Amino acid sequence: MKSKHAKTLRAIFTKPTLATVAFTDIEMLIVGLGGKVAEGKGSRVALHLGDTVKHAHRPHPGKEAKKYQIEEICLWLESQGVKP
């Protein structure tokens, strides 16, 4: 895992939840962990890791993920055994 991915992973697991994590960084982290990102309709994306899928919407007009998205992704990553 690249240092940028490790930094993003630490940011996702930081409490209280940060509101400064770019959604593209989360997508790159998933790919760095061996997963993939599939485009959906509009701003919808499917994050695939292992046998599970997490659906999310890319934020707009900003680039930072919403706090609730980061919290959901944190729980999803924990369920896959991913830890910072």
PDB file of N, CA and C in Angstrom:
ATOM      1  N   MET A   1       0.851  -1.173   0.000  1.00  0.00           N
ATOM      2  CA  MET A   1       0.000   0.000   0.000  1.00  0.00           C
ATOM      3  C   MET A   1       0.894   1.233   0.000  1.00  0.00           C
ATOM      4  N   LYS A   2       0.576   2.168  -0.852  1.00  0.00           N
ATOM      5  CA  LYS A   2       1.339   3.401  -0.937  1.00  0.00           C
ATOM      6  C   LYS A   2       1.086   4.268   0.296  1.00  0.00           C
ATOM      7  N   SER A   3       1.990   5.191   0.574  1.00  0.00           N
ATOM      8  CA  SER A   3       1.850   6.048   1.747  1.00  0.00           C
ATOM      9  C   SER A   3       0.616   6.941   1.647  1.00  0.00           C
ATOM     10  N   LYS A   4       0.243   7.336   0.435  1.00  0.00           N
ATOM     11  CA  LYS A   4      -0.970   8.145   0.260  1.00  0.00           C
ATOM     12  C   LYS A   4      -2.207   7.340   0.662  1.00  0.00           C
ATOM     13  N   HIS A   5      -2.236   6.043   0.322  1.00  0.00           N
ATOM     14  CA  HIS A   5      -3.355   5.188   0.707  1.00  0.00           C
ATOM     15  C   HIS A   5      -3.403   5.020   2.220  1.00  0.00           C
ATOM     16  N   ALA A   6      -2.233   4.851   2.838  1.00  0.00           N
ATOM     17  CA  ALA A   6      -2.172   4.699   4.295  1.00  0.00           C
ATOM     18  C   ALA A   6      -2.675   5.963   4.986  1.00  0.00           C
ATOM     19  N   LYS A   7      -2.329   7.115   4.438  1.00  0.00           N
ATOM     20  CA  LYS A   7      -2.790   8.386   4.997  1.00  0.00           C
ATOM     21  C   LYS A   7      -4.314   8.500   4.890  1.00  0.00           C
ATOM     22  N   THR A   8      -4.868   8.115   3.756  1.00  0.00           N
ATOM     23  CA  THR A   8      -6.318   8.147   3.566  1.00  0.00           C
ATOM     24  C   THR A   8      -6.995   7.179   4.529  1.00  0.00           C
ATOM     25  N   LEU A   9      -6.425   5.999   4.695  1.00  0.00           N
ATOM     26  CA  LEU A   9      -6.991   5.000   5.598  1.00  0.00           C
ATOM     27  C   LEU A   9      -7.009   5.525   7.033  1.00  0.00           C
ATOM     28  N   ARG A  10      -5.918   6.151   7.464  1.00  0.00           N
ATOM     29  CA  ARG A  10      -5.886   6.740   8.817  1.00  0.00           C
ATOM     30  C   ARG A  10      -6.930   7.836   8.953  1.00  0.00           C
ATOM     31  N   ALA A  11      -7.113   8.644   7.911  1.00  0.00           N
ATOM     32  CA  ALA A  11      -8.093   9.726   7.953  1.00  0.00           C
ATOM     33  C   ALA A  11      -9.514   9.174   8.072  1.00  0.00           C
ATOM     34  N   ILE A  12      -9.796   8.061   7.391  1.00  0.00           N
ATOM     35  CA  ILE A  12     -11.127   7.455   7.447  1.00  0.00           C
ATOM     36  C   ILE A  12     -11.427   6.950   8.856  1.00  0.00           C
ATOM     37  N   PHE A  13     -10.418   6.403   9.532  1.00  0.00           N
ATOM     38  CA  PHE A  13     -10.615   5.830  10.856  1.00  0.00           C
ATOM     39  C   PHE A  13     -10.445   6.840  11.988  1.00  0.00           C
ATOM     40  N   THR A  14     -10.141   8.096  11.685  1.00  0.00           N
ATOM     41  CA  THR A  14      -9.971   9.132  12.702  1.00  0.00           C
ATOM     42  C   THR A  14     -11.302   9.468  13.352  1.00  0.00           C
ATOM     43  N   LYS A  15     -11.286   9.578  14.682  1.00  0.00           N
ATOM     44  CA  LYS A  15     -12.471  10.008  15.437  1.00  0.00           C
ATOM     45  C   LYS A  15     -12.099  11.282  16.178  1.00  0.00           C
ATOM     46  N   PRO A  16     -12.898  12.321  16.171  1.00  0.00           N
ATOM     47  CA  PRO A  16     -14.157  12.468  15.447  1.00  0.00           C
ATOM     48  C   PRO A  16     -13.922  12.473  13.937  1.00  0.00           C
ATOM     49  N   THR A  17     -14.960  12.111  13.217  1.00  0.00           N
ATOM     50  CA  THR A  17     -14.892  11.949  11.764  1.00  0.00           C
ATOM     51  C   THR A  17     -14.475  13.250  11.088  1.00  0.00           C
ATOM     52  N   LEU A  18     -13.509  13.141  10.193  1.00  0.00           N
ATOM     53  CA  LEU A  18     -13.029  14.293   9.437  1.00  0.00           C
ATOM     54  C   LEU A  18     -13.949  14.582   8.251  1.00  0.00           C
ATOM     55  N   ALA A  19     -14.015  15.838   7.880  1.00  0.00           N
ATOM     56  CA  ALA A  19     -14.816  16.230   6.722  1.00  0.00           C
ATOM     57  C   ALA A  19     -13.912  16.698   5.585  1.00  0.00           C
ATOM     58  N   THR A  20     -12.637  16.287   5.638  1.00  0.00           N
ATOM     59  CA  THR A  20     -11.670  16.783   4.657  1.00  0.00           C
ATOM     60  C   THR A  20     -11.076  15.673   3.800  1.00  0.00           C
ATOM     61  N   VAL A  21     -11.741  14.532   3.722  1.00  0.00           N
ATOM     62  CA  VAL A  21     -11.239  13.414   2.924  1.00  0.00           C
ATOM     63  C   VAL A  21     -11.851  13.494   1.527  1.00  0.00           C
ATOM     64  N   ALA A  22     -11.003  13.617   0.526  1.00  0.00           N
ATOM     65  CA  ALA A  22     -11.492  13.695  -0.855  1.00  0.00           C
ATOM     66  C   ALA A  22     -12.033  12.330  -1.270  1.00  0.00           C
ATOM     67  N   PHE A  23     -13.174  12.326  -1.924  1.00  0.00           N
ATOM     68  CA  PHE A  23     -13.799  11.070  -2.335  1.00  0.00           C
ATOM     69  C   PHE A  23     -12.912  10.311  -3.327  1.00  0.00           C
ATOM     70  N   THR A  24     -12.183  11.027  -4.165  1.00  0.00           N
ATOM     71  CA  THR A  24     -11.285  10.355  -5.110  1.00  0.00           C
ATOM     72  C   THR A  24     -10.174   9.618  -4.373  1.00  0.00           C
ATOM     73  N   ASP A  25      -9.744  10.147  -3.215  1.00  0.00           N
ATOM     74  CA  ASP A  25      -8.740   9.457  -2.417  1.00  0.00           C
ATOM     75  C   ASP A  25      -9.293   8.138  -1.879  1.00  0.00           C
ATOM     76  N   ILE A  26     -10.574   8.128  -1.511  1.00  0.00           N
ATOM     77  CA  ILE A  26     -11.212   6.897  -1.045  1.00  0.00           C
ATOM     78  C   ILE A  26     -11.266   5.887  -2.182  1.00  0.00           C
ATOM     79  N   GLU A  27     -11.616   6.340  -3.372  1.00  0.00           N
ATOM     80  CA  GLU A  27     -11.659   5.448  -4.535  1.00  0.00           C
ATOM     81  C   GLU A  27     -10.274   4.855  -4.807  1.00  0.00           C
ATOM     82  N   MET A  28      -9.231   5.683  -4.743  1.00  0.00           N
ATOM     83  CA  MET A  28      -7.873   5.198  -4.988  1.00  0.00           C
ATOM     84  C   MET A  28      -7.451   4.211  -3.898  1.00  0.00           C
ATOM     85  N   LEU A  29      -7.890   4.432  -2.664  1.00  0.00           N
ATOM     86  CA  LEU A  29      -7.589   3.505  -1.575  1.00  0.00           C
ATOM     87  C   LEU A  29      -8.188   2.136  -1.853  1.00  0.00           C
ATOM     88  N   ILE A  30      -9.440   2.103  -2.291  1.00  0.00           N
ATOM     89  CA  ILE A  30     -10.103   0.833  -2.588  1.00  0.00           C
ATOM     90  C   ILE A  30      -9.339   0.077  -3.670  1.00  0.00           C
ATOM     91  N   VAL A  31      -8.923   0.774  -4.701  1.00  0.00           N
ATOM     92  CA  VAL A  31      -8.144   0.141  -5.778  1.00  0.00           C
ATOM     93  C   VAL A  31      -6.793  -0.334  -5.225  1.00  0.00           C
ATOM     94  N   GLY A  32      -6.178   0.465  -4.352  1.00  0.00           N
ATOM     95  CA  GLY A  32      -4.904   0.090  -3.743  1.00  0.00           C
ATOM     96  C   GLY A  32      -5.013  -1.132  -2.845  1.00  0.00           C
ATOM     97  N   LEU A  33      -6.202  -1.372  -2.295  1.00  0.00           N
ATOM     98  CA  LEU A  33      -6.435  -2.542  -1.452  1.00  0.00           C
ATOM     99  C   LEU A  33      -6.802  -3.779  -2.274  1.00  0.00           C
ATOM    100  N   GLY A  34      -6.821  -3.637  -3.590  1.00  0.00           N
ATOM    101  CA  GLY A  34      -7.132  -4.767  -4.459  1.00  0.00           C
ATOM    102  C   GLY A  34      -8.578  -4.818  -4.904  1.00  0.00           C
ATOM    103  N   GLY A  35      -9.334  -3.772  -4.604  1.00  0.00           N
ATOM    104  CA  GLY A  35     -10.732  -3.710  -5.018  1.00  0.00           C
ATOM    105  C   GLY A  35     -10.878  -3.002  -6.344  1.00  0.00           C
ATOM    106  N   LYS A  36     -12.104  -2.670  -6.671  1.00  0.00           N
ATOM    107  CA  LYS A  36     -12.338  -1.907  -7.894  1.00  0.00           C
ATOM    108  C   LYS A  36     -13.503  -0.957  -7.691  1.00  0.00           C
ATOM    109  N   VAL A  37     -13.546   0.044  -8.551  1.00  0.00           N
ATOM    110  CA  VAL A  37     -14.588   1.068  -8.517  1.00  0.00           C
ATOM    111  C   VAL A  37     -15.343   0.985  -9.828  1.00  0.00           C
ATOM    112  N   ALA A  38     -16.662   0.808  -9.737  1.00  0.00           N
ATOM    113  CA  ALA A  38     -17.495   0.717 -10.934  1.00  0.00           C
ATOM    114  C   ALA A  38     -18.401   1.935 -11.008  1.00  0.00           C
ATOM    115  N   GLU A  39     -18.452   2.528 -12.188  1.00  0.00           N
ATOM    116  CA  GLU A  39     -19.302   3.697 -12.412  1.00  0.00           C
ATOM    117  C   GLU A  39     -20.759   3.279 -12.518  1.00  0.00           C
ATOM    118  N   GLY A  40     -21.631   4.088 -11.949  1.00  0.00           N
ATOM    119  CA  GLY A  40     -23.057   3.871 -12.085  1.00  0.00           C
ATOM    120  C   GLY A  40     -23.666   5.034 -12.838  1.00  0.00           C
ATOM    121  N   LYS A  41     -24.961   5.210 -12.696  1.00  0.00           N
ATOM    122  CA  LYS A  41     -25.631   6.332 -13.344  1.00  0.00           C
ATOM    123  C   LYS A  41     -25.388   7.605 -12.538  1.00  0.00           C
ATOM    124  N   GLY A  42     -25.141   8.680 -13.241  1.00  0.00           N
ATOM    125  CA  GLY A  42     -24.934   9.958 -12.581  1.00  0.00           C
ATOM    126  C   GLY A  42     -23.694   9.933 -11.708  1.00  0.00           C
ATOM    127  N   SER A  43     -23.857  10.304 -10.435  1.00  0.00           N
ATOM    128  CA  SER A  43     -22.726  10.360  -9.527  1.00  0.00           C
ATOM    129  C   SER A  43     -22.571   9.087  -8.704  1.00  0.00           C
ATOM    130  N   ARG A  44     -23.340   8.069  -9.015  1.00  0.00           N
ATOM    131  CA  ARG A  44     -23.317   6.823  -8.246  1.00  0.00           C
ATOM    132  C   ARG A  44     -22.118   5.960  -8.634  1.00  0.00           C
ATOM    133  N   VAL A  45     -21.463   5.386  -7.607  1.00  0.00           N
ATOM    134  CA  VAL A  45     -20.353   4.472  -7.817  1.00  0.00           C
ATOM    135  C   VAL A  45     -20.538   3.254  -6.914  1.00  0.00           C
ATOM    136  N   ALA A  46     -19.975   2.148  -7.339  1.00  0.00           N
ATOM    137  CA  ALA A  46     -19.985   0.927  -6.536  1.00  0.00           C
ATOM    138  C   ALA A  46     -18.538   0.603  -6.186  1.00  0.00           C
ATOM    139  N   LEU A  47     -18.265   0.515  -4.903  1.00  0.00           N
ATOM    140  CA  LEU A  47     -16.934   0.172  -4.428  1.00  0.00           C
ATOM    141  C   LEU A  47     -16.928  -1.320  -4.116  1.00  0.00           C
ATOM    142  N   HIS A  48     -16.099  -2.078  -4.821  1.00  0.00           N
ATOM    143  CA  HIS A  48     -16.025  -3.529  -4.652  1.00  0.00           C
ATOM    144  C   HIS A  48     -14.754  -3.866  -3.887  1.00  0.00           C
ATOM    145  N   LEU A  49     -14.891  -4.626  -2.810  1.00  0.00           N
ATOM    146  CA  LEU A  49     -13.737  -5.099  -2.054  1.00  0.00           C
ATOM    147  C   LEU A  49     -14.072  -6.476  -1.514  1.00  0.00           C
ATOM    148  N   GLY A  50     -13.282  -7.455  -1.882  1.00  0.00           N
ATOM    149  CA  GLY A  50     -13.599  -8.832  -1.497  1.00  0.00           C
ATOM    150  C   GLY A  50     -14.894  -9.246  -2.176  1.00  0.00           C
ATOM    151  N   ASP A  51     -15.799  -9.813  -1.393  1.00  0.00           N
ATOM    152  CA  ASP A  51     -17.092 -10.252  -1.934  1.00  0.00           C
ATOM    153  C   ASP A  51     -18.205  -9.237  -1.688  1.00  0.00           C
ATOM    154  N   THR A  52     -17.872  -8.055  -1.173  1.00  0.00           N
ATOM    155  CA  THR A  52     -18.902  -7.087  -0.834  1.00  0.00           C
ATOM    156  C   THR A  52     -18.836  -5.854  -1.724  1.00  0.00           C
ATOM    157  N   VAL A  53     -19.943  -5.152  -1.751  1.00  0.00           N
ATOM    158  CA  VAL A  53     -20.056  -3.927  -2.539  1.00  0.00           C
ATOM    159  C   VAL A  53     -20.631  -2.835  -1.653  1.00  0.00           C
ATOM    160  N   LYS A  54     -20.049  -1.648  -1.730  1.00  0.00           N
ATOM    161  CA  LYS A  54     -20.569  -0.474  -1.025  1.00  0.00           C
ATOM    162  C   LYS A  54     -20.948   0.547  -2.082  1.00  0.00           C
ATOM    163  N   HIS A  55     -22.219   0.903  -2.125  1.00  0.00           N
ATOM    164  CA  HIS A  55     -22.694   1.907  -3.081  1.00  0.00           C
ATOM    165  C   HIS A  55     -22.621   3.284  -2.441  1.00  0.00           C
ATOM    166  N   ALA A  56     -22.207   4.266  -3.226  1.00  0.00           N
ATOM    167  CA  ALA A  56     -22.090   5.631  -2.728  1.00  0.00           C
ATOM    168  C   ALA A  56     -22.306   6.608  -3.882  1.00  0.00           C
ATOM    169  N   HIS A  57     -22.500   7.856  -3.516  1.00  0.00           N
ATOM    170  CA  HIS A  57     -22.617   8.937  -4.499  1.00  0.00           C
ATOM    171  C   HIS A  57     -21.411   9.844  -4.354  1.00  0.00           C
ATOM    172  N   ARG A  58     -20.813  10.196  -5.484  1.00  0.00           N
ATOM    173  CA  ARG A  58     -19.733  11.173  -5.440  1.00  0.00           C
ATOM    174  C   ARG A  58     -20.325  12.514  -5.019  1.00  0.00           C
ATOM    175  N   PRO A  59     -19.634  13.199  -4.127  1.00  0.00           N
ATOM    176  CA  PRO A  59     -20.155  14.504  -3.688  1.00  0.00           C
ATOM    177  C   PRO A  59     -20.038  15.538  -4.806  1.00  0.00           C
ATOM    178  N   HIS A  60     -20.981  16.438  -4.817  1.00  0.00           N
ATOM    179  CA  HIS A  60     -20.917  17.553  -5.751  1.00  0.00           C
ATOM    180  C   HIS A  60     -21.694  18.704  -5.137  1.00  0.00           C
ATOM    181  N   PRO A  61     -21.317  19.915  -5.274  1.00  0.00           N
ATOM    182  CA  PRO A  61     -20.259  20.398  -6.152  1.00  0.00           C
ATOM    183  C   PRO A  61     -18.851  20.256  -5.561  1.00  0.00           C
ATOM    184  N   GLY A  62     -18.705  19.972  -4.277  1.00  0.00           N
ATOM    185  CA  GLY A  62     -17.380  19.823  -3.666  1.00  0.00           C
ATOM    186  C   GLY A  62     -16.750  18.491  -3.981  1.00  0.00           C
ATOM    187  N   LYS A  63     -15.533  18.290  -3.475  1.00  0.00           N
ATOM    188  CA  LYS A  63     -14.839  17.034  -3.726  1.00  0.00           C
ATOM    189  C   LYS A  63     -14.695  16.186  -2.468  1.00  0.00           C
ATOM    190  N   GLU A  64     -14.956  16.768  -1.291  1.00  0.00           N
ATOM    191  CA  GLU A  64     -14.815  16.039  -0.039  1.00  0.00           C
ATOM    192  C   GLU A  64     -16.029  15.157   0.224  1.00  0.00           C
ATOM    193  N   ALA A  65     -15.762  13.960   0.727  1.00  0.00           N
ATOM    194  CA  ALA A  65     -16.835  13.042   1.102  1.00  0.00           C
ATOM    195  C   ALA A  65     -17.555  13.599   2.326  1.00  0.00           C
ATOM    196  N   LYS A  66     -18.830  13.345   2.423  1.00  0.00           N
ATOM    197  CA  LYS A  66     -19.608  13.770   3.577  1.00  0.00           C
ATOM    198  C   LYS A  66     -19.234  12.901   4.773  1.00  0.00           C
ATOM    199  N   LYS A  67     -19.434  13.450   5.972  1.00  0.00           N
ATOM    200  CA  LYS A  67     -19.068  12.718   7.180  1.00  0.00           C
ATOM    201  C   LYS A  67     -19.797  11.378   7.272  1.00  0.00           C
ATOM    202  N   TYR A  68     -21.076  11.350   6.923  1.00  0.00           N
ATOM    203  CA  TYR A  68     -21.817  10.096   7.014  1.00  0.00           C
ATOM    204  C   TYR A  68     -21.253   9.058   6.051  1.00  0.00           C
ATOM    205  N   GLN A  69     -20.757   9.507   4.885  1.00  0.00           N
ATOM    206  CA  GLN A  69     -20.158   8.579   3.925  1.00  0.00           C
ATOM    207  C   GLN A  69     -18.870   7.983   4.491  1.00  0.00           C
ATOM    208  N   ILE A  70     -18.070   8.813   5.114  1.00  0.00           N
ATOM    209  CA  ILE A  70     -16.814   8.347   5.692  1.00  0.00           C
ATOM    210  C   ILE A  70     -17.088   7.347   6.808  1.00  0.00           C
ATOM    211  N   GLU A  71     -18.092   7.626   7.644  1.00  0.00           N
ATOM    212  CA  GLU A  71     -18.439   6.708   8.726  1.00  0.00           C
ATOM    213  C   GLU A  71     -18.925   5.374   8.180  1.00  0.00           C
ATOM    214  N   GLU A  72     -19.752   5.404   7.132  1.00  0.00           N
ATOM    215  CA  GLU A  72     -20.243   4.165   6.516  1.00  0.00           C
ATOM    216  C   GLU A  72     -19.098   3.376   5.883  1.00  0.00           C
ATOM    217  N   ILE A  73     -18.194   4.059   5.213  1.00  0.00           N
ATOM    218  CA  ILE A  73     -17.065   3.391   4.582  1.00  0.00           C
ATOM    219  C   ILE A  73     -16.126   2.820   5.644  1.00  0.00           C
ATOM    220  N   CYS A  74     -15.961   3.522   6.747  1.00  0.00           N
ATOM    221  CA  CYS A  74     -15.153   3.026   7.857  1.00  0.00           C
ATOM    222  C   CYS A  74     -15.714   1.697   8.370  1.00  0.00           C
ATOM    223  N   LEU A  75     -17.013   1.657   8.622  1.00  0.00           N
ATOM    224  CA  LEU A  75     -17.651   0.421   9.093  1.00  0.00           C
ATOM    225  C   LEU A  75     -17.529  -0.698   8.057  1.00  0.00           C
ATOM    226  N   TRP A  76     -17.693  -0.351   6.795  1.00  0.00           N
ATOM    227  CA  TRP A  76     -17.594  -1.328   5.712  1.00  0.00           C
ATOM    228  C   TRP A  76     -16.181  -1.903   5.641  1.00  0.00           C
ATOM    229  N   LEU A  77     -15.159  -1.041   5.743  1.00  0.00           N
ATOM    230  CA  LEU A  77     -13.789  -1.506   5.705  1.00  0.00           C
ATOM    231  C   LEU A  77     -13.482  -2.396   6.911  1.00  0.00           C
ATOM    232  N   GLU A  78     -13.990  -2.013   8.097  1.00  0.00           N
ATOM    233  CA  GLU A  78     -13.791  -2.839   9.289  1.00  0.00           C
ATOM    234  C   GLU A  78     -14.390  -4.226   9.092  1.00  0.00           C
ATOM    235  N   SER A  79     -15.564  -4.289   8.466  1.00  0.00           N
ATOM    236  CA  SER A  79     -16.215  -5.582   8.237  1.00  0.00           C
ATOM    237  C   SER A  79     -15.412  -6.457   7.279  1.00  0.00           C
ATOM    238  N   GLN A  80     -14.539  -5.838   6.481  1.00  0.00           N
ATOM    239  CA  GLN A  80     -13.686  -6.568   5.552  1.00  0.00           C
ATOM    240  C   GLN A  80     -12.321  -6.894   6.166  1.00  0.00           C
ATOM    241  N   GLY A  81     -12.137  -6.505   7.426  1.00  0.00           N
ATOM    242  CA  GLY A  81     -10.865  -6.776   8.107  1.00  0.00           C
ATOM    243  C   GLY A  81      -9.771  -5.770   7.825  1.00  0.00           C
ATOM    244  N   VAL A  82     -10.136  -4.622   7.265  1.00  0.00           N
ATOM    245  CA  VAL A  82      -9.151  -3.577   6.961  1.00  0.00           C
ATOM    246  C   VAL A  82      -9.040  -2.656   8.164  1.00  0.00           C
ATOM    247  N   LYS A  83      -7.810  -2.434   8.611  1.00  0.00           N
ATOM    248  CA  LYS A  83      -7.546  -1.545   9.745  1.00  0.00           C
ATOM    249  C   LYS A  83      -6.386  -0.645   9.412  1.00  0.00           C
ATOM    250  N   PRO A  84      -6.338   0.526  10.028  1.00  0.00           N
ATOM    251  CA  PRO A  84      -5.227   1.456   9.727  1.00  0.00           C
ATOM    252  C   PRO A  84      -3.897   0.960  10.274  1.00  0.00           C
TER     253      PRO A  84
END
